Amino acid sequence: MPDGDTLGSSYALCSALIKMGKNARVICADKLPAQYDFFTKRVDFPEFTPETIISVDVADVKLLGGLRAEYEDKIVFAIDHHASHRDFAENLFLDGTAAAAAECVYDIIRELGVQFDEVIAAALYTGIATDTGCFKFSNTSPKTHVIAAELMVYGIEESEINRIMFDTKTKGRMAIEKAAMRSMEFCFNDRCAIMPITTKMLRDSGCTNTDLDGITAIPRSVEGVLVGVTLRQRGAKDWKVSMRSYPPVDVSAICAEMNGGGHMCAAGCEVTGTLRQAKKEILKHVKKALEEISCKD
């Protein structure tokens, strides 16, 4: 389930390599969301047999999804910005201070000496904008703004990109948001909000997985909430957990306790069990983190 940073970074790098005369293409285990067509449809992939496999914005080999079996042991170069990155490639470019993997790819393209164009710039801008919540998340740095400003020089329609990424929703997305918010629960004096999205909810709303990008921000948006948790059902007893927080809560540490990881204010993991069991397991760790914060106050 690639997000804007994953796709923006990979398509920008692929475009740069093609401009260098290399054979390159992007592969993904899942269907690409249509909202990114404005740059993904503009890159033509040549036919060839790949010799070098590069992963972009992949913090753990598990995130390769359906491609893991074929490529797990073949990745020569990993490009990432997650401090919780778990090594799986022969070589690693990791910048844990970067707001997005797109910042890392920007630096790499500069180092390669490739001339930026509108497609590369639009892809990178999308990656940066989506991973910073349109530049409002705490991971946004002065460098983030400088890069975004430089990308705008290449004629991208940044206002249209922001409209597509942040202000446009399908009817299915609206329906699933309504159902998900009805199911949201508040815990620990309303400092934690937990919101499940079941397969039945998805089916009833007519929403697809590609419509869910960014939905994990909803629980944290409630006033007073320090930790927002979204559980997305993947199988009968399989749940993808996405956590968002405000400082000083470190959700990457919470998720690490459940074999996950990510950033301080945005992380994820997987849990198994019934919905009730999954929520109980997650809330146990969230409670511990919130109690530690209270003890420091």
Foldseek 3Di string as FASTA:
>chain_A
DDDLQQQLLQLLLQVQCVLVVDQDDDDAPDDAQPLPCVQVVVDDHDDDDDDAAEGFADQELVRSPPCSVVPQQRHAEYQHQFPNRDDRHVYYDYNVLALGSLVVSVVVSVVVVGDDALSSLLSSLRSLCQSCVNVPRPSRDPVSVVSNVVSVVRPYPVVVSCCSRPVDADQLLVQLLVVQVVQWDADDVRQEIETEREPVSSVVSVHDPSRCRPVQCVRVVDPNHFKYWYWYDDDQWKTKIKIFGDPPQQVQVLQVVVVWGGGRGIIIHMDTDHPVVVVVVSVVSVVVRVVVVVVVD
